[in-house]
Amino acid sequence: MRADQAAIAHWVARDARVLDLGCGDGSLLRYLWQERHSPGYGVEIDDAKVLDCV
């Protein structure tokens, strides 16, 4: 668990829907799903990071 992800997860209500702009490799979305049962979508503009996320 990364400290920044834990801090963000603290702000997200359980079962809330999440939109992650600039989601990078999608690790925050995965963490929120596992810890808060919060489904989400990620948007990334960097082609290399999109491939990481998939």
C-alpha atoms as a PDB file:
ATOM      1  CA  MET A   1       0.000   0.000   0.000  1.00  0.00           C
ATOM      2  CA  ARG A   2       1.316   3.416  -0.959  1.00  0.00           C
ATOM      3  CA  ALA A   3       0.740   6.275   1.472  1.00  0.00           C
ATOM      4  CA  ASP A   4      -0.809   8.504  -1.195  1.00  0.00           C
ATOM      5  CA  GLN A   5      -3.265   5.781  -2.210  1.00  0.00           C
ATOM      6  CA  ALA A   6      -4.268   5.225   1.421  1.00  0.00           C
ATOM      7  CA  ALA A   7      -4.882   8.966   1.853  1.00  0.00           C
ATOM      8  CA  ILE A   8      -7.057   9.115  -1.261  1.00  0.00           C
ATOM      9  CA  ALA A   9      -8.962   5.973  -0.238  1.00  0.00           C
ATOM     10  CA  HIS A  10      -9.802   7.691   3.062  1.00  0.00           C
ATOM     11  CA  TRP A  11     -11.749  10.340   1.077  1.00  0.00           C
ATOM     12  CA  VAL A  12     -13.661   7.823  -1.059  1.00  0.00           C
ATOM     13  CA  ALA A  13     -16.894   6.477   0.373  1.00  0.00           C
ATOM     14  CA  ARG A  14     -17.388   2.726   0.283  1.00  0.00           C
ATOM     15  CA  ASP A  15     -19.157   1.657  -2.934  1.00  0.00           C
ATOM     16  CA  ALA A  16     -18.684   5.122  -4.502  1.00  0.00           C
ATOM     17  CA  ARG A  17     -18.042   5.321  -8.230  1.00  0.00           C
ATOM     18  CA  VAL A  18     -14.675   6.776  -9.160  1.00  0.00           C
ATOM     19  CA  LEU A  19     -13.309   8.591 -12.217  1.00  0.00           C
ATOM     20  CA  ASP A  20      -9.506   8.744 -12.197  1.00  0.00           C
ATOM     21  CA  LEU A  21      -8.175  11.331 -14.650  1.00  0.00           C
ATOM     22  CA  GLY A  22      -4.541  10.650 -15.445  1.00  0.00           C
ATOM     23  CA  CYS A  23      -4.841   7.129 -14.056  1.00  0.00           C
ATOM     24  CA  GLY A  24      -1.344   6.023 -15.067  1.00  0.00           C
ATOM     25  CA  ASP A  25      -1.081   2.259 -14.657  1.00  0.00           C
ATOM     26  CA  GLY A  26      -4.464   1.952 -12.912  1.00  0.00           C
ATOM     27  CA  SER A  27      -3.018   0.989  -9.525  1.00  0.00           C
ATOM     28  CA  LEU A  28      -5.151   3.511  -7.611  1.00  0.00           C
ATOM     29  CA  LEU A  29      -8.326   2.179  -9.222  1.00  0.00           C
ATOM     30  CA  ARG A  30      -7.318  -1.373  -8.341  1.00  0.00           C
ATOM     31  CA  TYR A  31      -6.577  -0.317  -4.748  1.00  0.00           C
ATOM     32  CA  LEU A  32      -9.936   1.465  -4.391  1.00  0.00           C
ATOM     33  CA  TRP A  33     -11.742  -1.599  -5.723  1.00  0.00           C
ATOM     34  CA  GLN A  34      -9.965  -3.906  -3.290  1.00  0.00           C
ATOM     35  CA  GLU A  35     -10.166  -1.673  -0.205  1.00  0.00           C
ATOM     36  CA  ARG A  36     -13.379   0.356  -0.675  1.00  0.00           C
ATOM     37  CA  HIS A  37     -15.356  -1.802  -3.136  1.00  0.00           C
ATOM     38  CA  SER A  38     -15.499   1.302  -5.318  1.00  0.00           C
ATOM     39  CA  PRO A  39     -15.693   0.615  -9.047  1.00  0.00           C
ATOM     40  CA  GLY A  40     -14.059   3.126 -11.315  1.00  0.00           C
ATOM     41  CA  TYR A  41     -12.951   4.229 -14.733  1.00  0.00           C
ATOM     42  CA  GLY A  42      -9.589   5.641 -15.653  1.00  0.00           C
ATOM     43  CA  VAL A  43      -8.655   8.111 -18.362  1.00  0.00           C
ATOM     44  CA  GLU A  44      -5.054   8.350 -19.537  1.00  0.00           C
ATOM     45  CA  ILE A  45      -3.581  10.327 -22.440  1.00  0.00           C
ATOM     46  CA  ASP A  46      -0.084   8.775 -22.467  1.00  0.00           C
ATOM     47  CA  ASP A  47      -0.124   5.787 -24.857  1.00  0.00           C
ATOM     48  CA  ALA A  48       2.535   3.874 -22.902  1.00  0.00           C
ATOM     49  CA  LYS A  49       0.571   4.208 -19.658  1.00  0.00           C
ATOM     50  CA  VAL A  50      -2.639   3.115 -21.385  1.00  0.00           C
ATOM     51  CA  LEU A  51      -0.930  -0.127 -22.330  1.00  0.00           C
ATOM     52  CA  ASP A  52       0.244  -0.572 -18.703  1.00  0.00           C
ATOM     53  CA  CYS A  53      -3.300  -0.076 -17.461  1.00  0.00           C
ATOM     54  CA  VAL A  54      -4.822  -2.616 -19.809  1.00  0.00           C
END
